[in-house]
PDB file of N, CA and C in Angstrom:
ATOM      1  N   ALA A   1      11.630  12.586 -13.828  1.00  0.00           N
ATOM      2  CA  ALA A   1      11.617  12.260 -15.247  1.00  0.00           C
ATOM      3  C   ALA A   1      13.023  11.883 -15.716  1.00  0.00           C
ATOM      4  N   ASP A   2      14.042  12.566 -15.213  1.00  0.00           N
ATOM      5  CA  ASP A   2      15.423  12.255 -15.627  1.00  0.00           C
ATOM      6  C   ASP A   2      15.839  10.862 -15.153  1.00  0.00           C
ATOM      7  N   SER A   3      15.521  10.516 -13.922  1.00  0.00           N
ATOM      8  CA  SER A   3      15.901   9.194 -13.414  1.00  0.00           C
ATOM      9  C   SER A   3      15.136   8.099 -14.149  1.00  0.00           C
ATOM     10  N   LYS A   4      13.884   8.366 -14.503  1.00  0.00           N
ATOM     11  CA  LYS A   4      13.087   7.396 -15.262  1.00  0.00           C
ATOM     12  C   LYS A   4      13.732   7.151 -16.621  1.00  0.00           C
ATOM     13  N   ALA A   5      14.106   8.230 -17.300  1.00  0.00           N
ATOM     14  CA  ALA A   5      14.743   8.104 -18.614  1.00  0.00           C
ATOM     15  C   ALA A   5      16.073   7.350 -18.503  1.00  0.00           C
ATOM     16  N   ARG A   6      16.841   7.641 -17.471  1.00  0.00           N
ATOM     17  CA  ARG A   6      18.138   6.982 -17.279  1.00  0.00           C
ATOM     18  C   ARG A   6      17.961   5.489 -17.014  1.00  0.00           C
ATOM     19  N   LEU A   7      17.020   5.144 -16.160  1.00  0.00           N
ATOM     20  CA  LEU A   7      16.753   3.741 -15.879  1.00  0.00           C
ATOM     21  C   LEU A   7      16.292   3.001 -17.137  1.00  0.00           C
ATOM     22  N   GLU A   8      15.434   3.627 -17.915  1.00  0.00           N
ATOM     23  CA  GLU A   8      14.963   3.002 -19.149  1.00  0.00           C
ATOM     24  C   GLU A   8      16.109   2.799 -20.137  1.00  0.00           C
ATOM     25  N   GLU A   9      17.021   3.748 -20.154  1.00  0.00           N
ATOM     26  CA  GLU A   9      18.204   3.624 -21.022  1.00  0.00           C
ATOM     27  C   GLU A   9      19.080   2.451 -20.563  1.00  0.00           C
ATOM     28  N   LEU A  10      19.298   2.363 -19.270  1.00  0.00           N
ATOM     29  CA  LEU A  10      20.140   1.289 -18.737  1.00  0.00           C
ATOM     30  C   LEU A  10      19.499  -0.098 -18.880  1.00  0.00           C
ATOM     31  N   LEU A  11      18.194  -0.151 -18.703  1.00  0.00           N
ATOM     32  CA  LEU A  11      17.488  -1.425 -18.725  1.00  0.00           C
ATOM     33  C   LEU A  11      16.989  -1.828 -20.110  1.00  0.00           C
ATOM     34  N   SER A  12      16.970  -0.875 -21.020  1.00  0.00           N
ATOM     35  CA  SER A  12      16.436  -1.096 -22.377  1.00  0.00           C
ATOM     36  C   SER A  12      14.987  -1.585 -22.330  1.00  0.00           C
ATOM     37  N   ARG A  13      14.239  -1.034 -21.408  1.00  0.00           N
ATOM     38  CA  ARG A  13      12.820  -1.362 -21.300  1.00  0.00           C
ATOM     39  C   ARG A  13      12.111  -0.266 -20.524  1.00  0.00           C
ATOM     40  N   PRO A  14      10.800  -0.152 -20.677  1.00  0.00           N
ATOM     41  CA  PRO A  14      10.069   0.907 -19.971  1.00  0.00           C
ATOM     42  C   PRO A  14      10.054   0.707 -18.457  1.00  0.00           C
ATOM     43  N   VAL A  15      10.126   1.798 -17.742  1.00  0.00           N
ATOM     44  CA  VAL A  15       9.962   1.805 -16.284  1.00  0.00           C
ATOM     45  C   VAL A  15       8.624   2.492 -16.043  1.00  0.00           C
ATOM     46  N   GLN A  16       7.643   1.704 -15.603  1.00  0.00           N
ATOM     47  CA  GLN A  16       6.275   2.215 -15.550  1.00  0.00           C
ATOM     48  C   GLN A  16       5.753   2.488 -14.146  1.00  0.00           C
ATOM     49  N   HIS A  17       6.459   2.009 -13.139  1.00  0.00           N
ATOM     50  CA  HIS A  17       5.938   2.107 -11.780  1.00  0.00           C
ATOM     51  C   HIS A  17       6.973   2.749 -10.859  1.00  0.00           C
ATOM     52  N   PHE A  18       6.486   3.472  -9.872  1.00  0.00           N
ATOM     53  CA  PHE A  18       7.328   4.279  -9.000  1.00  0.00           C
ATOM     54  C   PHE A  18       6.996   3.958  -7.541  1.00  0.00           C
ATOM     55  N   ALA A  19       7.985   4.020  -6.687  1.00  0.00           N
ATOM     56  CA  ALA A  19       7.772   3.902  -5.241  1.00  0.00           C
ATOM     57  C   ALA A  19       8.259   5.194  -4.607  1.00  0.00           C
ATOM     58  N   TYR A  20       7.365   5.872  -3.906  1.00  0.00           N
ATOM     59  CA  TYR A  20       7.752   7.120  -3.247  1.00  0.00           C
ATOM     60  C   TYR A  20       8.831   6.828  -2.207  1.00  0.00           C
ATOM     61  N   PRO A  21       9.911   7.614  -2.207  1.00  0.00           N
ATOM     62  CA  PRO A  21      10.966   7.394  -1.205  1.00  0.00           C
ATOM     63  C   PRO A  21      10.393   7.458   0.214  1.00  0.00           C
ATOM     64  N   TYR A  22      10.631   6.412   0.977  1.00  0.00           N
ATOM     65  CA  TYR A  22      10.117   6.277   2.341  1.00  0.00           C
ATOM     66  C   TYR A  22       8.592   6.333   2.391  1.00  0.00           C
ATOM     67  N   GLY A  23       7.940   6.174   1.237  1.00  0.00           N
ATOM     68  CA  GLY A  23       6.484   6.209   1.172  1.00  0.00           C
ATOM     69  C   GLY A  23       5.893   7.594   1.317  1.00  0.00           C
ATOM     70  N   LEU A  24       6.739   8.607   1.356  1.00  0.00           N
ATOM     71  CA  LEU A  24       6.279   9.976   1.583  1.00  0.00           C
ATOM     72  C   LEU A  24       5.944  10.661   0.262  1.00  0.00           C
ATOM     73  N   TYR A  25       4.785  11.276   0.218  1.00  0.00           N
ATOM     74  CA  TYR A  25       4.379  12.011  -0.976  1.00  0.00           C
ATOM     75  C   TYR A  25       3.341  13.053  -0.588  1.00  0.00           C
ATOM     76  N   ASN A  26       3.147  13.991  -1.476  1.00  0.00           N
ATOM     77  CA  ASN A  26       2.099  14.995  -1.331  1.00  0.00           C
ATOM     78  C   ASN A  26       1.493  15.201  -2.726  1.00  0.00           C
ATOM     79  N   ASP A  27       0.584  16.138  -2.860  1.00  0.00           N
ATOM     80  CA  ASP A  27      -0.075  16.355  -4.151  1.00  0.00           C
ATOM     81  C   ASP A  27       0.923  16.730  -5.246  1.00  0.00           C
ATOM     82  N   THR A  28       1.941  17.509  -4.899  1.00  0.00           N
ATOM     83  CA  THR A  28       2.943  17.926  -5.875  1.00  0.00           C
ATOM     84  C   THR A  28       3.758  16.728  -6.358  1.00  0.00           C
ATOM     85  N   ALA A  29       4.226  15.910  -5.424  1.00  0.00           N
ATOM     86  CA  ALA A  29       5.012  14.726  -5.790  1.00  0.00           C
ATOM     87  C   ALA A  29       4.172  13.782  -6.646  1.00  0.00           C
ATOM     88  N   ARG A  30       2.922  13.580  -6.270  1.00  0.00           N
ATOM     89  CA  ARG A  30       2.019  12.711  -7.014  1.00  0.00           C
ATOM     90  C   ARG A  30       1.867  13.214  -8.445  1.00  0.00           C
ATOM     91  N   ALA A  31       1.656  14.523  -8.597  1.00  0.00           N
ATOM     92  CA  ALA A  31       1.492  15.117  -9.929  1.00  0.00           C
ATOM     93  C   ALA A  31       2.763  14.980 -10.765  1.00  0.00           C
ATOM     94  N   LEU A  32       3.928  15.169 -10.142  1.00  0.00           N
ATOM     95  CA  LEU A  32       5.194  15.051 -10.871  1.00  0.00           C
ATOM     96  C   LEU A  32       5.454  13.620 -11.332  1.00  0.00           C
ATOM     97  N   VAL A  33       5.118  12.660 -10.503  1.00  0.00           N
ATOM     98  CA  VAL A  33       5.288  11.248 -10.869  1.00  0.00           C
ATOM     99  C   VAL A  33       4.394  10.920 -12.070  1.00  0.00           C
ATOM    100  N   LYS A  34       3.166  11.373 -12.019  1.00  0.00           N
ATOM    101  CA  LYS A  34       2.233  11.137 -13.126  1.00  0.00           C
ATOM    102  C   LYS A  34       2.720  11.838 -14.394  1.00  0.00           C
ATOM    103  N   GLN A  35       3.162  13.071 -14.252  1.00  0.00           N
ATOM    104  CA  GLN A  35       3.660  13.869 -15.384  1.00  0.00           C
ATOM    105  C   GLN A  35       4.898  13.227 -16.012  1.00  0.00           C
ATOM    106  N   ALA A  36       5.710  12.554 -15.213  1.00  0.00           N
ATOM    107  CA  ALA A  36       6.923  11.899 -15.717  1.00  0.00           C
ATOM    108  C   ALA A  36       6.598  10.682 -16.581  1.00  0.00           C
ATOM    109  N   GLY A  37       5.345  10.236 -16.538  1.00  0.00           N
ATOM    110  CA  GLY A  37       4.935   9.128 -17.383  1.00  0.00           C
ATOM    111  C   GLY A  37       4.783   7.787 -16.701  1.00  0.00           C
ATOM    112  N   TYR A  38       4.845   7.768 -15.377  1.00  0.00           N
ATOM    113  CA  TYR A  38       4.628   6.526 -14.656  1.00  0.00           C
ATOM    114  C   TYR A  38       3.143   6.164 -14.712  1.00  0.00           C
ATOM    115  N   LEU A  39       2.833   4.877 -14.617  1.00  0.00           N
ATOM    116  CA  LEU A  39       1.450   4.407 -14.631  1.00  0.00           C
ATOM    117  C   LEU A  39       0.883   4.240 -13.229  1.00  0.00           C
ATOM    118  N   SER A  40       1.783   4.077 -12.238  1.00  0.00           N
ATOM    119  CA  SER A  40       1.333   3.904 -10.859  1.00  0.00           C
ATOM    120  C   SER A  40       2.475   4.239  -9.909  1.00  0.00           C
ATOM    121  N   ALA A  41       2.111   4.375  -8.633  1.00  0.00           N
ATOM    122  CA  ALA A  41       3.117   4.639  -7.605  1.00  0.00           C
ATOM    123  C   ALA A  41       2.655   4.046  -6.280  1.00  0.00           C
ATOM    124  N   CYS A  42       3.608   3.499  -5.523  1.00  0.00           N
ATOM    125  CA  CYS A  42       3.325   2.878  -4.226  1.00  0.00           C
ATOM    126  C   CYS A  42       3.681   3.808  -3.080  1.00  0.00           C
ATOM    127  N   SER A  43       2.787   3.819  -2.109  1.00  0.00           N
ATOM    128  CA  SER A  43       3.073   4.483  -0.840  1.00  0.00           C
ATOM    129  C   SER A  43       3.500   3.386   0.132  1.00  0.00           C
ATOM    130  N   THR A  44       3.614   3.726   1.399  1.00  0.00           N
ATOM    131  CA  THR A  44       3.856   2.684   2.396  1.00  0.00           C
ATOM    132  C   THR A  44       2.636   2.523   3.297  1.00  0.00           C
ATOM    133  N   ARG A  45       1.504   3.120   2.897  1.00  0.00           N
ATOM    134  CA  ARG A  45       0.272   2.933   3.655  1.00  0.00           C
ATOM    135  C   ARG A  45      -0.151   1.480   3.526  1.00  0.00           C
ATOM    136  N   SER A  46      -0.547   0.876   4.620  1.00  0.00           N
ATOM    137  CA  SER A  46      -0.944  -0.529   4.561  1.00  0.00           C
ATOM    138  C   SER A  46      -2.393  -0.635   4.116  1.00  0.00           C
ATOM    139  N   GLY A  47      -2.703  -1.773   3.551  1.00  0.00           N
ATOM    140  CA  GLY A  47      -4.078  -2.038   3.145  1.00  0.00           C
ATOM    141  C   GLY A  47      -4.162  -2.698   1.791  1.00  0.00           C
ATOM    142  N   PHE A  48      -5.393  -2.985   1.403  1.00  0.00           N
ATOM    143  CA  PHE A  48      -5.650  -3.622   0.124  1.00  0.00           C
ATOM    144  C   PHE A  48      -5.926  -2.581  -0.943  1.00  0.00           C
ATOM    145  N   ASN A  49      -5.694  -2.954  -2.179  1.00  0.00           N
ATOM    146  CA  ASN A  49      -6.026  -2.120  -3.336  1.00  0.00           C
ATOM    147  C   ASN A  49      -7.179  -2.783  -4.077  1.00  0.00           C
ATOM    148  N   ASN A  50      -8.007  -1.965  -4.712  1.00  0.00           N
ATOM    149  CA  ASN A  50      -9.073  -2.480  -5.558  1.00  0.00           C
ATOM    150  C   ASN A  50      -9.234  -1.550  -6.751  1.00  0.00           C
ATOM    151  N   THR A  51     -10.259  -1.740  -7.533  1.00  0.00           N
ATOM    152  CA  THR A  51     -10.434  -0.920  -8.738  1.00  0.00           C
ATOM    153  C   THR A  51     -10.680   0.550  -8.415  1.00  0.00           C
ATOM    154  N   GLU A  52     -11.083   0.854  -7.199  1.00  0.00           N
ATOM    155  CA  GLU A  52     -11.332   2.234  -6.785  1.00  0.00           C
ATOM    156  C   GLU A  52     -10.077   2.938  -6.280  1.00  0.00           C
ATOM    157  N   THR A  53      -9.023   2.199  -6.021  1.00  0.00           N
ATOM    158  CA  THR A  53      -7.792   2.771  -5.474  1.00  0.00           C
ATOM    159  C   THR A  53      -7.089   3.623  -6.529  1.00  0.00           C
ATOM    160  N   ASP A  54      -6.693   4.809  -6.123  1.00  0.00           N
ATOM    161  CA  ASP A  54      -5.928   5.687  -7.010  1.00  0.00           C
ATOM    162  C   ASP A  54      -4.610   5.000  -7.354  1.00  0.00           C
ATOM    163  N   PRO A  55      -4.299   4.811  -8.638  1.00  0.00           N
ATOM    164  CA  PRO A  55      -3.065   4.104  -8.997  1.00  0.00           C
ATOM    165  C   PRO A  55      -1.785   4.836  -8.585  1.00  0.00           C
ATOM    166  N   PHE A  56      -1.899   6.086  -8.157  1.00  0.00           N
ATOM    167  CA  PHE A  56      -0.727   6.827  -7.698  1.00  0.00           C
ATOM    168  C   PHE A  56      -0.683   6.926  -6.168  1.00  0.00           C
ATOM    169  N   GLU A  57      -1.535   6.134  -5.513  1.00  0.00           N
ATOM    170  CA  GLU A  57      -1.548   6.060  -4.052  1.00  0.00           C
ATOM    171  C   GLU A  57      -1.761   4.610  -3.619  1.00  0.00           C
ATOM    172  N   LEU A  58      -1.067   3.687  -4.291  1.00  0.00           N
ATOM    173  CA  LEU A  58      -1.236   2.276  -3.989  1.00  0.00           C
ATOM    174  C   LEU A  58      -0.746   1.946  -2.585  1.00  0.00           C
ATOM    175  N   ARG A  59      -1.465   1.078  -1.935  1.00  0.00           N
ATOM    176  CA  ARG A  59      -1.112   0.610  -0.592  1.00  0.00           C
ATOM    177  C   ARG A  59      -0.323  -0.686  -0.731  1.00  0.00           C
ATOM    178  N   ARG A  60       0.332  -1.080   0.318  1.00  0.00           N
ATOM    179  CA  ARG A  60       1.029  -2.361   0.295  1.00  0.00           C
ATOM    180  C   ARG A  60       1.162  -2.916   1.703  1.00  0.00           C
ATOM    181  N   ILE A  61       1.442  -4.190   1.739  1.00  0.00           N
ATOM    182  CA  ILE A  61       1.607  -4.881   3.008  1.00  0.00           C
ATOM    183  C   ILE A  61       3.047  -5.365   3.076  1.00  0.00           C
ATOM    184  N   GLU A  62       3.721  -5.053   4.170  1.00  0.00           N
ATOM    185  CA  GLU A  62       5.118  -5.466   4.334  1.00  0.00           C
ATOM    186  C   GLU A  62       5.186  -6.927   4.726  1.00  0.00           C
ATOM    187  N   VAL A  63       5.971  -7.685   3.986  1.00  0.00           N
ATOM    188  CA  VAL A  63       6.194  -9.084   4.304  1.00  0.00           C
ATOM    189  C   VAL A  63       7.693  -9.265   4.477  1.00  0.00           C
ATOM    190  N   PHE A  64       8.072  -9.816   5.609  1.00  0.00           N
ATOM    191  CA  PHE A  64       9.479 -10.009   5.924  1.00  0.00           C
ATOM    192  C   PHE A  64       9.810 -11.494   5.955  1.00  0.00           C
ATOM    193  N   GLY A  65      11.038 -11.834   5.640  1.00  0.00           N
ATOM    194  CA  GLY A  65      11.480 -13.213   5.720  1.00  0.00           C
ATOM    195  C   GLY A  65      11.376 -13.760   7.122  1.00  0.00           C
ATOM    196  N   SER A  66      11.364 -12.882   8.102  1.00  0.00           N
ATOM    197  CA  SER A  66      11.274 -13.309   9.503  1.00  0.00           C
ATOM    198  C   SER A  66       9.831 -13.467   9.984  1.00  0.00           C
ATOM    199  N   ASP A  67       8.849 -13.108   9.144  1.00  0.00           N
ATOM    200  CA  ASP A  67       7.445 -13.271   9.534  1.00  0.00           C
ATOM    201  C   ASP A  67       7.133 -14.743   9.747  1.00  0.00           C
ATOM    202  N   ARG A  68       6.436 -15.022  10.807  1.00  0.00           N
ATOM    203  CA  ARG A  68       5.951 -16.386  11.031  1.00  0.00           C
ATOM    204  C   ARG A  68       4.686 -16.562  10.198  1.00  0.00           C
ATOM    205  N   LEU A  69       4.284 -17.781   9.982  1.00  0.00           N
ATOM    206  CA  LEU A  69       3.118 -18.050   9.155  1.00  0.00           C
ATOM    207  C   LEU A  69       1.882 -17.330   9.675  1.00  0.00           C
ATOM    208  N   TRP A  70       1.685 -17.305  10.993  1.00  0.00           N
ATOM    209  CA  TRP A  70       0.507 -16.635  11.541  1.00  0.00           C
ATOM    210  C   TRP A  70       0.569 -15.129  11.288  1.00  0.00           C
ATOM    211  N   ASN A  71       1.804 -14.538  11.293  1.00  0.00           N
ATOM    212  CA  ASN A  71       1.939 -13.115  10.996  1.00  0.00           C
ATOM    213  C   ASN A  71       1.484 -12.837   9.565  1.00  0.00           C
ATOM    214  N   LEU A  72       1.968 -13.654   8.652  1.00  0.00           N
ATOM    215  CA  LEU A  72       1.624 -13.482   7.239  1.00  0.00           C
ATOM    216  C   LEU A  72       0.124 -13.654   7.021  1.00  0.00           C
ATOM    217  N   LYS A  73      -0.475 -14.654   7.629  1.00  0.00           N
ATOM    218  CA  LYS A  73      -1.920 -14.874   7.489  1.00  0.00           C
ATOM    219  C   LYS A  73      -2.712 -13.660   7.971  1.00  0.00           C
ATOM    220  N   GLN A  74      -2.323 -13.100   9.109  1.00  0.00           N
ATOM    221  CA  GLN A  74      -3.018 -11.915   9.629  1.00  0.00           C
ATOM    222  C   GLN A  74      -2.862 -10.729   8.704  1.00  0.00           C
ATOM    223  N   LYS A  75      -1.664 -10.514   8.207  1.00  0.00           N
ATOM    224  CA  LYS A  75      -1.438  -9.389   7.305  1.00  0.00           C
ATOM    225  C   LYS A  75      -2.317  -9.508   6.058  1.00  0.00           C
ATOM    226  N   LEU A  76      -2.396 -10.712   5.512  1.00  0.00           N
ATOM    227  CA  LEU A  76      -3.191 -10.929   4.311  1.00  0.00           C
ATOM    228  C   LEU A  76      -4.692 -10.875   4.587  1.00  0.00           C
ATOM    229  N   LYS A  77      -5.117 -11.360   5.726  1.00  0.00           N
ATOM    230  CA  LYS A  77      -6.542 -11.366   6.056  1.00  0.00           C
ATOM    231  C   LYS A  77      -7.071  -9.974   6.377  1.00  0.00           C
ATOM    232  N   PHE A  78      -6.308  -9.214   7.159  1.00  0.00           N
ATOM    233  CA  PHE A  78      -6.791  -7.924   7.631  1.00  0.00           C
ATOM    234  C   PHE A  78      -6.249  -6.731   6.833  1.00  0.00           C
ATOM    235  N   GLY A  79      -5.322  -6.974   5.918  1.00  0.00           N
ATOM    236  CA  GLY A  79      -4.804  -5.892   5.075  1.00  0.00           C
ATOM    237  C   GLY A  79      -4.067  -4.823   5.840  1.00  0.00           C
ATOM    238  N   THR A  80      -3.274  -5.239   6.799  1.00  0.00           N
ATOM    239  CA  THR A  80      -2.551  -4.278   7.618  1.00  0.00           C
ATOM    240  C   THR A  80      -1.169  -4.811   7.961  1.00  0.00           C
ATOM    241  N   ASN A  81      -0.266  -3.913   8.239  1.00  0.00           N
ATOM    242  CA  ASN A  81       1.063  -4.303   8.685  1.00  0.00           C
ATOM    243  C   ASN A  81       1.074  -4.617  10.180  1.00  0.00           C
ATOM    244  N   ASP A  82      -0.029  -4.276  10.859  1.00  0.00           N
ATOM    245  CA  ASP A  82      -0.149  -4.592  12.287  1.00  0.00           C
ATOM    246  C   ASP A  82      -0.425  -6.084  12.407  1.00  0.00           C
ATOM    247  N   ASP A  83       0.539  -6.824  12.905  1.00  0.00           N
ATOM    248  CA  ASP A  83       0.355  -8.271  13.022  1.00  0.00           C
ATOM    249  C   ASP A  83       0.380  -8.726  14.480  1.00  0.00           C
ATOM    250  N   SER A  84      -0.073  -7.837  15.357  1.00  0.00           N
ATOM    251  CA  SER A  84      -0.082  -8.197  16.777  1.00  0.00           C
ATOM    252  C   SER A  84      -1.113  -9.297  17.033  1.00  0.00           C
ATOM    253  N   TRP A  85      -0.896 -10.066  18.058  1.00  0.00           N
ATOM    254  CA  TRP A  85      -1.804 -11.174  18.355  1.00  0.00           C
ATOM    255  C   TRP A  85      -3.174 -10.687  18.814  1.00  0.00           C
ATOM    256  N   THR A  86      -3.290  -9.406  19.202  1.00  0.00           N
ATOM    257  CA  THR A  86      -4.572  -8.862  19.648  1.00  0.00           C
ATOM    258  C   THR A  86      -5.412  -8.311  18.495  1.00  0.00           C
ATOM    259  N   LEU A  87      -4.841  -8.206  17.313  1.00  0.00           N
ATOM    260  CA  LEU A  87      -5.557  -7.610  16.180  1.00  0.00           C
ATOM    261  C   LEU A  87      -6.891  -8.290  15.885  1.00  0.00           C
ATOM    262  N   PRO A  88      -6.967  -9.615  15.766  1.00  0.00           N
ATOM    263  CA  PRO A  88      -8.265 -10.227  15.469  1.00  0.00           C
ATOM    264  C   PRO A  88      -9.340  -9.891  16.504  1.00  0.00           C
ATOM    265  N   ALA A  89      -8.983  -9.903  17.778  1.00  0.00           N
ATOM    266  CA  ALA A  89      -9.960  -9.580  18.823  1.00  0.00           C
ATOM    267  C   ALA A  89     -10.454  -8.146  18.663  1.00  0.00           C
ATOM    268  N   LYS A  90      -9.548  -7.203  18.446  1.00  0.00           N
ATOM    269  CA  LYS A  90      -9.937  -5.799  18.266  1.00  0.00           C
ATOM    270  C   LYS A  90     -10.827  -5.638  17.031  1.00  0.00           C
ATOM    271  N   TYR A  91     -10.450  -6.312  15.957  1.00  0.00           N
ATOM    272  CA  TYR A  91     -11.193  -6.224  14.694  1.00  0.00           C
ATOM    273  C   TYR A  91     -12.631  -6.722  14.869  1.00  0.00           C
ATOM    274  N   TYR A  92     -12.781  -7.933  15.429  1.00  0.00           N
ATOM    275  CA  TYR A  92     -14.118  -8.507  15.562  1.00  0.00           C
ATOM    276  C   TYR A  92     -14.953  -7.788  16.610  1.00  0.00           C
ATOM    277  N   LEU A  93     -14.328  -7.260  17.645  1.00  0.00           N
ATOM    278  CA  LEU A  93     -15.050  -6.460  18.633  1.00  0.00           C
ATOM    279  C   LEU A  93     -15.600  -5.193  17.988  1.00  0.00           C
ATOM    280  N   GLN A  94     -14.796  -4.547  17.175  1.00  0.00           N
ATOM    281  CA  GLN A  94     -15.235  -3.329  16.483  1.00  0.00           C
ATOM    282  C   GLN A  94     -16.402  -3.644  15.539  1.00  0.00           C
ATOM    283  N   ARG A  95     -16.329  -4.754  14.828  1.00  0.00           N
ATOM    284  CA  ARG A  95     -17.422  -5.150  13.926  1.00  0.00           C
ATOM    285  C   ARG A  95     -18.693  -5.425  14.715  1.00  0.00           C
ATOM    286  N   ALA A  96     -18.574  -6.107  15.840  1.00  0.00           N
ATOM    287  CA  ALA A  96     -19.751  -6.410  16.668  1.00  0.00           C
ATOM    288  C   ALA A  96     -20.378  -5.119  17.189  1.00  0.00           C
ATOM    289  N   ARG A  97     -19.563  -4.193  17.663  1.00  0.00           N
ATOM    290  CA  ARG A  97     -20.074  -2.907  18.171  1.00  0.00           C
ATOM    291  C   ARG A  97     -20.810  -2.132  17.083  1.00  0.00           C
ATOM    292  N   SER A  98     -20.301  -2.187  15.857  1.00  0.00           N
ATOM    293  CA  SER A  98     -20.924  -1.433  14.767  1.00  0.00           C
ATOM    294  C   SER A  98     -22.299  -1.985  14.402  1.00  0.00           C
ATOM    295  N   ARG A  99     -22.586  -3.216  14.818  1.00  0.00           N
ATOM    296  CA  ARG A  99     -23.879  -3.839  14.500  1.00  0.00           C
ATOM    297  C   ARG A  99     -24.917  -3.697  15.620  1.00  0.00           C
ATOM    298  N   LEU A 100     -24.512  -3.087  16.711  1.00  0.00           N
ATOM    299  CA  LEU A 100     -25.440  -2.879  17.812  1.00  0.00           C
ATOM    300  C   LEU A 100     -26.499  -1.870  17.414  1.00  0.00           C
ATOM    301  N   PRO A 101     -27.731  -2.016  17.926  1.00  0.00           N
ATOM    302  CA  PRO A 101     -28.783  -1.047  17.617  1.00  0.00           C
ATOM    303  C   PRO A 101     -28.355   0.371  17.977  1.00  0.00           C
ATOM    304  N   GLY A 102     -28.710   1.315  17.129  1.00  0.00           N
ATOM    305  CA  GLY A 102     -28.371   2.710  17.362  1.00  0.00           C
ATOM    306  C   GLY A 102     -26.988   3.095  16.868  1.00  0.00           C
ATOM    307  N   LYS A 103     -26.252   2.159  16.297  1.00  0.00           N
ATOM    308  CA  LYS A 103     -24.916   2.441  15.756  1.00  0.00           C
ATOM    309  C   LYS A 103     -25.013   2.505  14.242  1.00  0.00           C
ATOM    310  N   ASP A 104     -25.215   3.680  13.689  1.00  0.00           N
ATOM    311  CA  ASP A 104     -25.306   3.840  12.234  1.00  0.00           C
ATOM    312  C   ASP A 104     -24.096   4.439  11.641  1.00  0.00           C
TER     313      ASP A 104
END
């Protein structure tokens, strides 16, 4: 809460969003961030966010200036920071297996 107030004083505008240091948080940290008046907070968990995502446990995808176009496309398509060339094969194989009879 003190750092939020200080930043707002320096910036002359509201600071509404928080990023957990190193993406690390627990229930106590989450509660303190919310209590301090933030509207949301980012973790470093990869994935997509939607209307069901807890605004204090937002996911994100790392994008680097060194990413090649195919890396970026994979990250955006699969919602993961894993951009290995084997990811699409693993993903589609898992989907195919889940559709086999007897796999509920």
